[in-house]
PDB file of all heavy atoms in Angstrom:
ATOM      1  N   ARG A   1     -64.521 -98.669 106.596  1.00  0.00           N
ATOM      2  CA  ARG A   1     -63.629 -98.350 107.691  1.00  0.00           C
ATOM      3  C   ARG A   1     -62.167 -98.274 107.095  1.00  0.00           C
ATOM      4  O   ARG A   1     -61.360 -97.380 107.449  1.00  0.00           O
ATOM      5  CB  ARG A   1     -63.693 -99.337 108.817  1.00  0.00           C
ATOM      6  CG  ARG A   1     -62.934 -98.868 109.992  1.00  0.00           C
ATOM      7  CD  ARG A   1     -62.859 -99.878 111.120  1.00  0.00           C
ATOM      8  NE  ARG A   1     -62.608 -99.311 112.382  1.00  0.00           N
ATOM      9  CZ  ARG A   1     -61.502 -98.690 112.700  1.00  0.00           C
ATOM     10  NH1 ARG A   1     -60.393 -98.686 111.922  1.00  0.00           N
ATOM     11  NH2 ARG A   1     -61.348 -98.171 113.892  1.00  0.00           N
ATOM     12  N   ALA A   2     -61.894 -99.226 106.166  1.00  0.00           N
ATOM     13  CA  ALA A   2     -60.550 -99.257 105.586  1.00  0.00           C
ATOM     14  C   ALA A   2     -60.305 -97.958 104.755  1.00  0.00           C
ATOM     15  O   ALA A   2     -59.210 -97.419 104.860  1.00  0.00           O
ATOM     16  CB  ALA A   2     -60.415-100.483 104.680  1.00  0.00           C
ATOM     17  N   TYR A   3     -61.293 -97.475 104.068  1.00  0.00           N
ATOM     18  CA  TYR A   3     -61.142 -96.198 103.368  1.00  0.00           C
ATOM     19  C   TYR A   3     -60.849 -95.043 104.247  1.00  0.00           C
ATOM     20  O   TYR A   3     -60.015 -94.217 104.010  1.00  0.00           O
ATOM     21  CB  TYR A   3     -62.399 -95.912 102.635  1.00  0.00           C
ATOM     22  CG  TYR A   3     -62.660 -96.847 101.338  1.00  0.00           C
ATOM     23  CD1 TYR A   3     -63.988 -96.865 100.751  1.00  0.00           C
ATOM     24  CD2 TYR A   3     -61.746 -97.599 100.854  1.00  0.00           C
ATOM     25  CE1 TYR A   3     -64.300 -97.630  99.624  1.00  0.00           C
ATOM     26  CE2 TYR A   3     -61.962 -98.398  99.717  1.00  0.00           C
ATOM     27  CZ  TYR A   3     -63.230 -98.464  99.174  1.00  0.00           C
ATOM     28  OH  TYR A   3     -63.507 -99.213  98.018  1.00  0.00           O
ATOM     29  N   CYS A   4     -61.507 -95.109 105.471  1.00  0.00           N
ATOM     30  CA  CYS A   4     -61.334 -93.971 106.419  1.00  0.00           C
ATOM     31  C   CYS A   4     -59.914 -94.096 107.004  1.00  0.00           C
ATOM     32  O   CYS A   4     -59.228 -93.096 107.107  1.00  0.00           O
ATOM     33  CB  CYS A   4     -62.334 -94.152 107.587  1.00  0.00           C
ATOM     34  SG  CYS A   4     -64.010 -93.776 107.117  1.00  0.00           S
ATOM     35  N   ASP A   5     -59.538 -95.326 107.290  1.00  0.00           N
ATOM     36  CA  ASP A   5     -58.084 -95.456 107.822  1.00  0.00           C
ATOM     37  C   ASP A   5     -57.096 -95.012 106.880  1.00  0.00           C
ATOM     38  O   ASP A   5     -56.109 -94.405 107.147  1.00  0.00           O
ATOM     39  CB  ASP A   5     -57.873 -96.960 108.137  1.00  0.00           C
ATOM     40  CG  ASP A   5     -58.599 -97.317 109.484  1.00  0.00           C
ATOM     41  OD1 ASP A   5     -58.788 -96.497 110.366  1.00  0.00           O
ATOM     42  OD2 ASP A   5     -58.798 -98.591 109.625  1.00  0.00           O
ATOM     43  N   TYR A   6     -57.282 -95.385 105.569  1.00  0.00           N
ATOM     44  CA  TYR A   6     -56.356 -95.043 104.522  1.00  0.00           C
ATOM     45  C   TYR A   6     -56.365 -93.539 104.386  1.00  0.00           C
ATOM     46  O   TYR A   6     -55.180 -92.886 104.267  1.00  0.00           O
ATOM     47  CB  TYR A   6     -56.741 -95.708 103.211  1.00  0.00           C
ATOM     48  CG  TYR A   6     -55.635 -95.707 102.202  1.00  0.00           C
ATOM     49  CD1 TYR A   6     -54.902 -96.813 102.008  1.00  0.00           C
ATOM     50  CD2 TYR A   6     -55.430 -94.649 101.306  1.00  0.00           C
ATOM     51  CE1 TYR A   6     -53.909 -96.930 101.104  1.00  0.00           C
ATOM     52  CE2 TYR A   6     -54.481 -94.717 100.455  1.00  0.00           C
ATOM     53  CZ  TYR A   6     -53.641 -95.812 100.296  1.00  0.00           C
ATOM     54  OH  TYR A   6     -52.678 -95.816  99.402  1.00  0.00           O
ATOM     55  N   LEU A   7     -57.466 -92.843 104.321  1.00  0.00           N
ATOM     56  CA  LEU A   7     -57.466 -91.421 104.203  1.00  0.00           C
ATOM     57  C   LEU A   7     -56.799 -90.736 105.363  1.00  0.00           C
ATOM     58  O   LEU A   7     -56.008 -89.777 105.201  1.00  0.00           O
ATOM     59  CB  LEU A   7     -58.935 -90.943 104.101  1.00  0.00           C
ATOM     60  CG  LEU A   7     -59.109 -89.446 103.763  1.00  0.00           C
ATOM     61  CD1 LEU A   7     -58.746 -89.189 102.322  1.00  0.00           C
ATOM     62  CD2 LEU A   7     -60.647 -89.083 103.926  1.00  0.00           C
ATOM     63  N   LEU A   8     -56.972 -91.288 106.615  1.00  0.00           N
ATOM     64  CA  LEU A   8     -56.426 -90.720 107.752  1.00  0.00           C
ATOM     65  C   LEU A   8     -54.864 -90.950 107.747  1.00  0.00           C
ATOM     66  O   LEU A   8     -54.043 -90.075 108.082  1.00  0.00           O
ATOM     67  CB  LEU A   8     -56.900 -91.310 109.117  1.00  0.00           C
ATOM     68  CG  LEU A   8     -58.347 -90.838 109.398  1.00  0.00           C
ATOM     69  CD1 LEU A   8     -58.940 -91.779 110.447  1.00  0.00           C
ATOM     70  CD2 LEU A   8     -58.319 -89.412 109.981  1.00  0.00           C
ATOM     71  N   ASP A   9     -54.437 -92.048 107.271  1.00  0.00           N
ATOM     72  CA  ASP A   9     -52.972 -92.347 107.142  1.00  0.00           C
ATOM     73  C   ASP A   9     -52.198 -91.522 106.165  1.00  0.00           C
ATOM     74  O   ASP A   9     -51.056 -91.174 106.401  1.00  0.00           O
ATOM     75  CB  ASP A   9     -52.781 -93.873 106.724  1.00  0.00           C
ATOM     76  CG  ASP A   9     -53.145 -94.787 107.894  1.00  0.00           C
ATOM     77  OD1 ASP A   9     -53.121 -94.344 109.061  1.00  0.00           O
ATOM     78  OD2 ASP A   9     -53.221 -96.012 107.647  1.00  0.00           O
ATOM     79  N   PHE A  10     -52.824 -91.149 105.099  1.00  0.00           N
ATOM     80  CA  PHE A  10     -52.172 -90.441 103.962  1.00  0.00           C
ATOM     81  C   PHE A  10     -52.507 -89.031 103.721  1.00  0.00           C
ATOM     82  O   PHE A  10     -52.018 -88.400 102.790  1.00  0.00           O
ATOM     83  CB  PHE A  10     -52.251 -91.229 102.745  1.00  0.00           C
ATOM     84  CG  PHE A  10     -51.469 -92.450 102.570  1.00  0.00           C
ATOM     85  CD1 PHE A  10     -51.826 -93.678 103.001  1.00  0.00           C
ATOM     86  CD2 PHE A  10     -50.122 -92.414 102.120  1.00  0.00           C
ATOM     87  CE1 PHE A  10     -51.022 -94.771 102.985  1.00  0.00           C
ATOM     88  CE2 PHE A  10     -49.264 -93.421 102.055  1.00  0.00           C
ATOM     89  CZ  PHE A  10     -49.733 -94.703 102.522  1.00  0.00           C
ATOM     90  N   THR A  11     -53.380 -88.441 104.561  1.00  0.00           N
ATOM     91  CA  THR A  11     -53.791 -87.080 104.345  1.00  0.00           C
ATOM     92  C   THR A  11     -53.230 -86.231 105.442  1.00  0.00           C
ATOM     93  O   THR A  11     -53.645 -86.304 106.579  1.00  0.00           O
ATOM     94  CB  THR A  11     -55.266 -86.924 104.318  1.00  0.00           C
ATOM     95  OG1 THR A  11     -55.761 -87.848 103.294  1.00  0.00           O
ATOM     96  CG2 THR A  11     -55.731 -85.521 103.932  1.00  0.00           C
ATOM     97  N   ALA A  12     -52.313 -85.343 105.152  1.00  0.00           N
ATOM     98  CA  ALA A  12     -51.499 -84.581 106.183  1.00  0.00           C
ATOM     99  C   ALA A  12     -52.475 -83.713 106.977  1.00  0.00           C
ATOM    100  O   ALA A  12     -52.303 -83.492 108.220  1.00  0.00           O
ATOM    101  CB  ALA A  12     -50.516 -83.723 105.551  1.00  0.00           C
ATOM    102  N   SER A  13     -53.566 -83.057 106.391  1.00  0.00           N
ATOM    103  CA  SER A  13     -54.420 -82.206 107.040  1.00  0.00           C
ATOM    104  C   SER A  13     -55.218 -82.962 108.079  1.00  0.00           C
ATOM    105  O   SER A  13     -55.866 -82.265 108.901  1.00  0.00           O
ATOM    106  CB  SER A  13     -55.335 -81.470 106.100  1.00  0.00           C
ATOM    107  OG  SER A  13     -56.156 -82.349 105.423  1.00  0.00           O
ATOM    108  N   LEU A  14     -55.211 -84.223 108.043  1.00  0.00           N
ATOM    109  CA  LEU A  14     -56.105 -85.100 108.957  1.00  0.00           C
ATOM    110  C   LEU A  14     -55.287 -85.730 110.042  1.00  0.00           C
ATOM    111  O   LEU A  14     -55.736 -86.506 110.858  1.00  0.00           O
ATOM    112  CB  LEU A  14     -56.901 -86.109 108.271  1.00  0.00           C
ATOM    113  CG  LEU A  14     -57.927 -85.635 107.267  1.00  0.00           C
ATOM    114  CD1 LEU A  14     -58.607 -86.752 106.454  1.00  0.00           C
ATOM    115  CD2 LEU A  14     -58.990 -84.707 107.957  1.00  0.00           C
ATOM    116  N   GLU A  15     -53.965 -85.500 110.053  1.00  0.00           N
ATOM    117  CA  GLU A  15     -53.013 -86.088 110.977  1.00  0.00           C
ATOM    118  C   GLU A  15     -53.435 -85.722 112.460  1.00  0.00           C
ATOM    119  O   GLU A  15     -53.612 -84.589 112.747  1.00  0.00           O
ATOM    120  CB  GLU A  15     -51.676 -85.683 110.805  1.00  0.00           C
ATOM    121  CG  GLU A  15     -50.567 -86.324 111.677  1.00  0.00           C
ATOM    122  CD  GLU A  15     -49.155 -85.834 111.410  1.00  0.00           C
ATOM    123  OE1 GLU A  15     -48.900 -85.373 110.301  1.00  0.00           O
ATOM    124  OE2 GLU A  15     -48.337 -85.950 112.355  1.00  0.00           O
ATOM    125  N   GLY A  16     -53.705 -86.750 113.236  1.00  0.00           N
ATOM    126  CA  GLY A  16     -54.089 -86.498 114.587  1.00  0.00           C
ATOM    127  C   GLY A  16     -55.524 -85.993 114.796  1.00  0.00           C
ATOM    128  O   GLY A  16     -55.882 -85.564 115.813  1.00  0.00           O
ATOM    129  N   GLN A  17     -56.295 -86.094 113.654  1.00  0.00           N
ATOM    130  CA  GLN A  17     -57.697 -85.598 113.713  1.00  0.00           C
ATOM    131  C   GLN A  17     -58.667 -86.578 113.331  1.00  0.00           C
ATOM    132  O   GLN A  17     -59.473 -86.477 112.446  1.00  0.00           O
ATOM    133  CB  GLN A  17     -57.739 -84.356 112.705  1.00  0.00           C
ATOM    134  CG  GLN A  17     -56.706 -83.314 112.973  1.00  0.00           C
ATOM    135  CD  GLN A  17     -57.090 -82.490 114.256  1.00  0.00           C
ATOM    136  OE1 GLN A  17     -58.206 -82.420 114.670  1.00  0.00           O
ATOM    137  NE2 GLN A  17     -56.083 -81.771 114.697  1.00  0.00           N
ATOM    138  N   GLN A  18     -58.641 -87.785 113.978  1.00  0.00           N
ATOM    139  CA  GLN A  18     -59.485 -88.933 113.614  1.00  0.00           C
ATOM    140  C   GLN A  18     -61.020 -88.556 113.754  1.00  0.00           C
ATOM    141  O   GLN A  18     -61.781 -89.090 112.933  1.00  0.00           O
ATOM    142  CB  GLN A  18     -59.116 -90.122 114.394  1.00  0.00           C
ATOM    143  CG  GLN A  18     -59.963 -91.363 113.968  1.00  0.00           C
ATOM    144  CD  GLN A  18     -59.520 -92.652 114.630  1.00  0.00           C
ATOM    145  OE1 GLN A  18     -58.321 -92.744 114.737  1.00  0.00           O
ATOM    146  NE2 GLN A  18     -60.445 -93.534 114.985  1.00  0.00           N
ATOM    147  N   ASP A  19     -61.284 -87.587 114.603  1.00  0.00           N
ATOM    148  CA  ASP A  19     -62.665 -87.216 114.892  1.00  0.00           C
ATOM    149  C   ASP A  19     -63.290 -86.523 113.704  1.00  0.00           C
ATOM    150  O   ASP A  19     -64.441 -86.249 113.605  1.00  0.00           O
ATOM    151  CB  ASP A  19     -62.798 -86.427 116.134  1.00  0.00           C
ATOM    152  CG  ASP A  19     -62.013 -85.185 116.149  1.00  0.00           C
ATOM    153  OD1 ASP A  19     -60.976 -85.096 115.397  1.00  0.00           O
ATOM    154  OD2 ASP A  19     -62.349 -84.196 116.825  1.00  0.00           O
ATOM    155  N   ARG A  20     -62.417 -86.071 112.748  1.00  0.00           N
ATOM    156  CA  ARG A  20     -62.913 -85.310 111.619  1.00  0.00           C
ATOM    157  C   ARG A  20     -63.495 -86.300 110.569  1.00  0.00           C
ATOM    158  O   ARG A  20     -64.084 -85.822 109.587  1.00  0.00           O
ATOM    159  CB  ARG A  20     -61.792 -84.479 110.957  1.00  0.00           C
ATOM    160  CG  ARG A  20     -61.374 -83.370 111.812  1.00  0.00           C
ATOM    161  CD  ARG A  20     -60.322 -82.460 111.095  1.00  0.00           C
ATOM    162  NE  ARG A  20     -60.001 -81.275 111.879  1.00  0.00           N
ATOM    163  CZ  ARG A  20     -59.171 -80.398 111.460  1.00  0.00           C
ATOM    164  NH1 ARG A  20     -58.581 -80.453 110.248  1.00  0.00           N
ATOM    165  NH2 ARG A  20     -58.904 -79.327 112.175  1.00  0.00           N
ATOM    166  N   VAL A  21     -63.267 -87.593 110.716  1.00  0.00           N
ATOM    167  CA  VAL A  21     -63.624 -88.550 109.632  1.00  0.00           C
ATOM    168  C   VAL A  21     -64.585 -89.513 110.180  1.00  0.00           C
ATOM    169  O   VAL A  21     -64.412 -90.080 111.360  1.00  0.00           O
ATOM    170  CB  VAL A  21     -62.381 -89.294 109.034  1.00  0.00           C
ATOM    171  CG1 VAL A  21     -62.809 -90.271 108.013  1.00  0.00           C
ATOM    172  CG2 VAL A  21     -61.405 -88.174 108.461  1.00  0.00           C
ATOM    173  N   ALA A  22     -65.593 -89.887 109.424  1.00  0.00           N
ATOM    174  CA  ALA A  22     -66.493 -90.978 109.789  1.00  0.00           C
ATOM    175  C   ALA A  22     -66.830 -91.714 108.532  1.00  0.00           C
ATOM    176  O   ALA A  22     -66.712 -91.227 107.448  1.00  0.00           O
ATOM    177  CB  ALA A  22     -67.749 -90.447 110.463  1.00  0.00           C
ATOM    178  N   GLY A  23     -67.306 -93.006 108.730  1.00  0.00           N
ATOM    179  CA  GLY A  23     -67.667 -93.810 107.575  1.00  0.00           C
ATOM    180  C   GLY A  23     -69.001 -94.467 107.756  1.00  0.00           C
ATOM    181  O   GLY A  23     -69.381 -94.863 108.904  1.00  0.00           O
ATOM    182  N   ALA A  24     -69.726 -94.605 106.695  1.00  0.00           N
ATOM    183  CA  ALA A  24     -70.963 -95.297 106.672  1.00  0.00           C
ATOM    184  C   ALA A  24     -71.177 -96.122 105.425  1.00  0.00           C
ATOM    185  O   ALA A  24     -71.001 -95.667 104.368  1.00  0.00           O
ATOM    186  CB  ALA A  24     -72.093 -94.285 106.864  1.00  0.00           C
ATOM    187  N   ALA A  25     -71.709 -97.333 105.592  1.00  0.00           N
ATOM    188  CA  ALA A  25     -72.122 -98.098 104.456  1.00  0.00           C
ATOM    189  C   ALA A  25     -73.715 -97.977 104.444  1.00  0.00           C
ATOM    190  O   ALA A  25     -74.346 -98.309 105.432  1.00  0.00           O
ATOM    191  CB  ALA A  25     -71.660 -99.605 104.653  1.00  0.00           C
ATOM    192  N   TYR A  26     -74.175 -97.601 103.296  1.00  0.00           N
ATOM    193  CA  TYR A  26     -75.687 -97.384 103.164  1.00  0.00           C
ATOM    194  C   TYR A  26     -76.307 -98.354 102.247  1.00  0.00           C
ATOM    195  O   TYR A  26     -76.070 -98.227 100.983  1.00  0.00           O
ATOM    196  CB  TYR A  26     -75.846 -95.922 102.752  1.00  0.00           C
ATOM    197  CG  TYR A  26     -77.351 -95.497 102.821  1.00  0.00           C
ATOM    198  CD1 TYR A  26     -78.178 -96.050 103.682  1.00  0.00           C
ATOM    199  CD2 TYR A  26     -77.766 -94.411 101.964  1.00  0.00           C
ATOM    200  CE1 TYR A  26     -79.547 -95.602 103.748  1.00  0.00           C
ATOM    201  CE2 TYR A  26     -79.065 -93.974 102.029  1.00  0.00           C
ATOM    202  CZ  TYR A  26     -79.965 -94.619 102.874  1.00  0.00           C
ATOM    203  OH  TYR A  26     -81.267 -94.184 103.000  1.00  0.00           O
ATOM    204  N   LEU A  27     -76.947 -99.297 102.745  1.00  0.00           N
ATOM    205  CA  LEU A  27     -77.689-100.290 101.923  1.00  0.00           C
ATOM    206  C   LEU A  27     -79.114 -99.865 101.689  1.00  0.00           C
ATOM    207  O   LEU A  27     -80.074-100.247 102.339  1.00  0.00           O
ATOM    208  CB  LEU A  27     -77.635-101.700 102.533  1.00  0.00           C
ATOM    209  CG  LEU A  27     -76.295-102.413 102.461  1.00  0.00           C
ATOM    210  CD1 LEU A  27     -75.146-101.645 103.102  1.00  0.00           C
ATOM    211  CD2 LEU A  27     -76.486-103.843 103.153  1.00  0.00           C
ATOM    212  N   HIS A  28     -79.327 -98.864 100.815  1.00  0.00           N
ATOM    213  CA  HIS A  28     -80.628 -98.119 100.744  1.00  0.00           C
ATOM    214  C   HIS A  28     -81.787 -98.994 100.275  1.00  0.00           C
ATOM    215  O   HIS A  28     -82.963 -98.593 100.419  1.00  0.00           O
ATOM    216  CB  HIS A  28     -80.421 -96.869  99.974  1.00  0.00           C
ATOM    217  CG  HIS A  28     -79.980 -97.168  98.553  1.00  0.00           C
ATOM    218  ND1 HIS A  28     -80.718 -97.348  97.475  1.00  0.00           N
ATOM    219  CD2 HIS A  28     -78.622 -97.194  98.083  1.00  0.00           C
ATOM    220  CE1 HIS A  28     -80.004 -97.639  96.423  1.00  0.00           C
ATOM    221  NE2 HIS A  28     -78.850 -97.484  96.712  1.00  0.00           N
ATOM    222  N   ASN A  29     -81.505-100.111  99.629  1.00  0.00           N
ATOM    223  CA  ASN A  29     -82.571-100.984  99.174  1.00  0.00           C
ATOM    224  C   ASN A  29     -82.906-102.123 100.144  1.00  0.00           C
ATOM    225  O   ASN A  29     -83.870-102.856  99.930  1.00  0.00           O
ATOM    226  CB  ASN A  29     -82.199-101.669  97.852  1.00  0.00           C
ATOM    227  CG  ASN A  29     -82.245-100.677  96.676  1.00  0.00           C
ATOM    228  OD1 ASN A  29     -82.941 -99.611  96.702  1.00  0.00           O
ATOM    229  ND2 ASN A  29     -81.483-100.939  95.570  1.00  0.00           N
ATOM    230  N   ALA A  30     -82.132-102.202 101.207  1.00  0.00           N
ATOM    231  CA  ALA A  30     -82.305-103.361 102.131  1.00  0.00           C
ATOM    232  C   ALA A  30     -83.212-103.075 103.333  1.00  0.00           C
ATOM    233  O   ALA A  30     -83.273-101.960 103.785  1.00  0.00           O
ATOM    234  CB  ALA A  30     -80.869-103.793 102.603  1.00  0.00           C
ATOM    235  N   THR A  31     -83.776-104.154 103.901  1.00  0.00           N
ATOM    236  CA  THR A  31     -84.438-104.085 105.167  1.00  0.00           C
ATOM    237  C   THR A  31     -83.467-104.767 106.159  1.00  0.00           C
ATOM    238  O   THR A  31     -82.574-105.484 105.757  1.00  0.00           O
ATOM    239  CB  THR A  31     -85.699-104.888 105.204  1.00  0.00           C
ATOM    240  OG1 THR A  31     -85.368-106.262 104.959  1.00  0.00           O
ATOM    241  CG2 THR A  31     -86.651-104.371 104.127  1.00  0.00           C
ATOM    242  N   ASP A  32     -83.707-104.554 107.469  1.00  0.00           N
ATOM    243  CA  ASP A  32     -82.846-105.117 108.526  1.00  0.00           C
ATOM    244  C   ASP A  32     -82.904-106.629 108.380  1.00  0.00           C
ATOM    245  O   ASP A  32     -81.888-107.314 108.513  1.00  0.00           O
ATOM    246  CB  ASP A  32     -83.355-104.724 109.895  1.00  0.00           C
ATOM    247  CG  ASP A  32     -82.957-103.277 110.224  1.00  0.00           C
ATOM    248  OD1 ASP A  32     -82.403-102.598 109.337  1.00  0.00           O
ATOM    249  OD2 ASP A  32     -83.254-102.797 111.303  1.00  0.00           O
ATOM    250  N   HIS A  33     -84.086-107.185 108.056  1.00  0.00           N
ATOM    251  CA  HIS A  33     -84.189-108.703 108.016  1.00  0.00           C
ATOM    252  C   HIS A  33     -83.404-109.231 106.819  1.00  0.00           C
ATOM    253  O   HIS A  33     -82.772-110.264 106.996  1.00  0.00           O
ATOM    254  CB  HIS A  33     -85.660-109.075 107.851  1.00  0.00           C
ATOM    255  CG  HIS A  33     -85.930-110.511 107.663  1.00  0.00           C
ATOM    256  ND1 HIS A  33     -85.862-111.399 108.669  1.00  0.00           N
ATOM    257  CD2 HIS A  33     -86.208-111.221 106.551  1.00  0.00           C
ATOM    258  CE1 HIS A  33     -86.121-112.612 108.240  1.00  0.00           C
ATOM    259  NE2 HIS A  33     -86.312-112.558 106.948  1.00  0.00           N
ATOM    260  N   GLY A  34     -83.345-108.519 105.729  1.00  0.00           N
ATOM    261  CA  GLY A  34     -82.641-109.033 104.557  1.00  0.00           C
ATOM    262  C   GLY A  34     -81.141-109.091 104.794  1.00  0.00           C
ATOM    263  O   GLY A  34     -80.497-109.894 104.048  1.00  0.00           O
ATOM    264  N   VAL A  35     -80.629-108.321 105.727  1.00  0.00           N
ATOM    265  CA  VAL A  35     -79.175-108.319 105.920  1.00  0.00           C
ATOM    266  C   VAL A  35     -78.785-108.511 107.381  1.00  0.00           C
ATOM    267  O   VAL A  35     -77.964-107.936 107.950  1.00  0.00           O
ATOM    268  CB  VAL A  35     -78.435-106.949 105.407  1.00  0.00           C
ATOM    269  CG1 VAL A  35     -78.620-106.876 103.891  1.00  0.00           C
ATOM    270  CG2 VAL A  35     -79.119-105.703 106.057  1.00  0.00           C
ATOM    271  N   ALA A  36     -79.695-109.258 108.111  1.00  0.00           N
ATOM    272  CA  ALA A  36     -79.572-109.404 109.518  1.00  0.00           C
ATOM    273  C   ALA A  36     -78.172-109.880 110.000  1.00  0.00           C
ATOM    274  O   ALA A  36     -77.719-109.366 111.061  1.00  0.00           O
ATOM    275  CB  ALA A  36     -80.697-110.352 110.044  1.00  0.00           C
ATOM    276  N   ASP A  37     -77.598-110.808 109.245  1.00  0.00           N
ATOM    277  CA  ASP A  37     -76.231-111.228 109.564  1.00  0.00           C
ATOM    278  C   ASP A  37     -75.219-110.090 109.716  1.00  0.00           C
ATOM    279  O   ASP A  37     -74.281-110.212 110.421  1.00  0.00           O
ATOM    280  CB  ASP A  37     -75.728-112.278 108.498  1.00  0.00           C
ATOM    281  CG  ASP A  37     -76.383-113.569 108.675  1.00  0.00           C
ATOM    282  OD1 ASP A  37     -77.194-113.794 109.563  1.00  0.00           O
ATOM    283  OD2 ASP A  37     -76.094-114.499 107.837  1.00  0.00           O
ATOM    284  N   LEU A  38     -75.405-109.087 108.896  1.00  0.00           N
ATOM    285  CA  LEU A  38     -74.370-107.977 108.833  1.00  0.00           C
ATOM    286  C   LEU A  38     -74.360-107.156 110.129  1.00  0.00           C
ATOM    287  O   LEU A  38     -73.377-106.517 110.422  1.00  0.00           O
ATOM    288  CB  LEU A  38     -74.607-107.058 107.650  1.00  0.00           C
ATOM    289  CG  LEU A  38     -74.012-107.581 106.349  1.00  0.00           C
ATOM    290  CD1 LEU A  38     -74.611-108.932 105.809  1.00  0.00           C
ATOM    291  CD2 LEU A  38     -74.232-106.511 105.214  1.00  0.00           C
ATOM    292  N   PHE A  39     -75.482-107.288 110.894  1.00  0.00           N
ATOM    293  CA  PHE A  39     -75.498-106.463 112.101  1.00  0.00           C
ATOM    294  C   PHE A  39     -74.850-107.189 113.287  1.00  0.00           C
ATOM    295  O   PHE A  39     -74.736-106.631 114.437  1.00  0.00           O
ATOM    296  CB  PHE A  39     -76.942-106.185 112.386  1.00  0.00           C
ATOM    297  CG  PHE A  39     -77.491-105.052 111.617  1.00  0.00           C
ATOM    298  CD1 PHE A  39     -78.426-105.446 110.614  1.00  0.00           C
ATOM    299  CD2 PHE A  39     -77.281-103.741 111.802  1.00  0.00           C
ATOM    300  CE1 PHE A  39     -79.010-104.483 109.795  1.00  0.00           C
ATOM    301  CE2 PHE A  39     -77.679-102.764 110.910  1.00  0.00           C
ATOM    302  CZ  PHE A  39     -78.655-103.117 109.968  1.00  0.00           C
TER     303      PHE A  39
END
């Protein structure tokens, strides 16, 4: 999320266009149980 905020803050073509950006953390080796606290 911080990366997205930073990109939105400093990229002129994204000014006022927050819907153009999304962020995802992908823990591709994990199960839900293994990282339950993170949810």
